[in-house]
Each structure stands twice: as structure tokens, then as C-alpha cells.
Amino acid sequence: MEMHNELRDTPKTGDDSNPALWKWLTAIGVLGFAACGGGYIAYAMKKRRKDGAE
């Protein structure tokens, strides 16, 4: 029996497309989420003070 190993051209499975872009998008998303949470907290505190004054 004779065997031959063939080298096949296989596609790359990893994504190496600009990791800096993904880091920036993640940072912007986290900051946006934190800003929305901070805005909601400020709104809730203002509403609580208004309701308590009456």
C-alpha cells in the first residue's frame, strides 16, 4: 500500500480584521450604556425629590 499526503489550501478560520476598531466600538458602547444609566439615575432622583416636596 502506498500513501501520499496532499497539502490542501484551507481557509483561515480566525478573524484578524482590525482589532483596534472592535476595542473602540466596545468602549463607545460601554460609555454610552453608562451615560444612559447615569441619566436615568439623575431623572429618578429629581423625580423623587419633586414627589417628596409636595
Protein backbone atom coordinates (compact mmCIF):
# COMPACT_ATOMS: atom_id res chain seq x y z
CA MET A 1 0.00 0.00 0.00
CA GLU A 2 1.34 3.38 -0.91
CA MET A 3 0.09 6.58 0.77
CA HIS A 4 0.52 10.14 -0.36
CA ASN A 5 -0.08 13.19 1.81
CA GLU A 6 -1.63 16.03 -0.06
CA LEU A 7 -1.28 19.59 1.17
CA ARG A 8 -4.62 21.30 0.76
CA ASP A 9 -5.15 25.04 0.83
CA THR A 10 -7.55 25.50 3.75
CA PRO A 11 -9.24 28.81 4.55
CA LYS A 12 -8.32 30.78 7.64
CA THR A 13 -10.86 30.43 10.44
CA GLY A 14 -9.81 33.35 12.65
CA ASP A 15 -10.80 36.96 12.23
CA ASP A 16 -7.82 39.31 12.18
CA SER A 17 -9.60 42.37 10.83
CA ASN A 18 -8.57 45.50 12.71
CA PRO A 19 -8.92 44.59 16.42
CA ALA A 20 -8.43 48.25 17.41
CA LEU A 21 -11.73 49.10 15.72
CA TRP A 22 -13.57 46.49 17.82
CA LYS A 23 -11.95 47.77 21.02
CA TRP A 24 -13.05 51.34 20.23
CA LEU A 25 -16.59 50.24 19.39
CA THR A 26 -16.79 48.29 22.64
CA ALA A 27 -15.52 51.26 24.65
CA ILE A 28 -18.03 53.61 23.00
CA GLY A 29 -20.85 51.15 23.68
CA VAL A 30 -19.90 50.79 27.35
CA LEU A 31 -19.63 54.57 27.77
CA GLY A 32 -23.00 55.06 26.08
CA PHE A 33 -24.60 52.46 28.33
CA ALA A 34 -23.09 54.14 31.42
CA ALA A 35 -24.33 57.55 30.25
CA CYS A 36 -27.86 56.22 29.81
CA GLY A 37 -27.75 54.64 33.27
CA GLY A 38 -26.45 57.88 34.80
CA GLY A 39 -29.16 59.87 33.06
CA TYR A 40 -31.84 57.55 34.34
CA ILE A 41 -30.49 57.77 37.89
CA ALA A 42 -30.44 61.57 37.71
CA TYR A 43 -34.02 61.59 36.38
CA ALA A 44 -35.22 59.23 39.11
CA MET A 45 -33.54 61.28 41.86
CA LYS A 46 -35.03 64.52 40.50
CA LYS A 47 -38.48 62.94 40.30
CA ARG A 48 -38.17 61.55 43.85
CA ARG A 49 -37.22 64.98 45.20
CA LYS A 50 -40.16 66.58 43.37
CA ASP A 51 -42.62 63.99 44.68
CA GLY A 52 -41.27 64.31 48.22
CA ALA A 53 -41.62 68.13 48.25
CA GLU A 54 -45.35 68.05 47.61
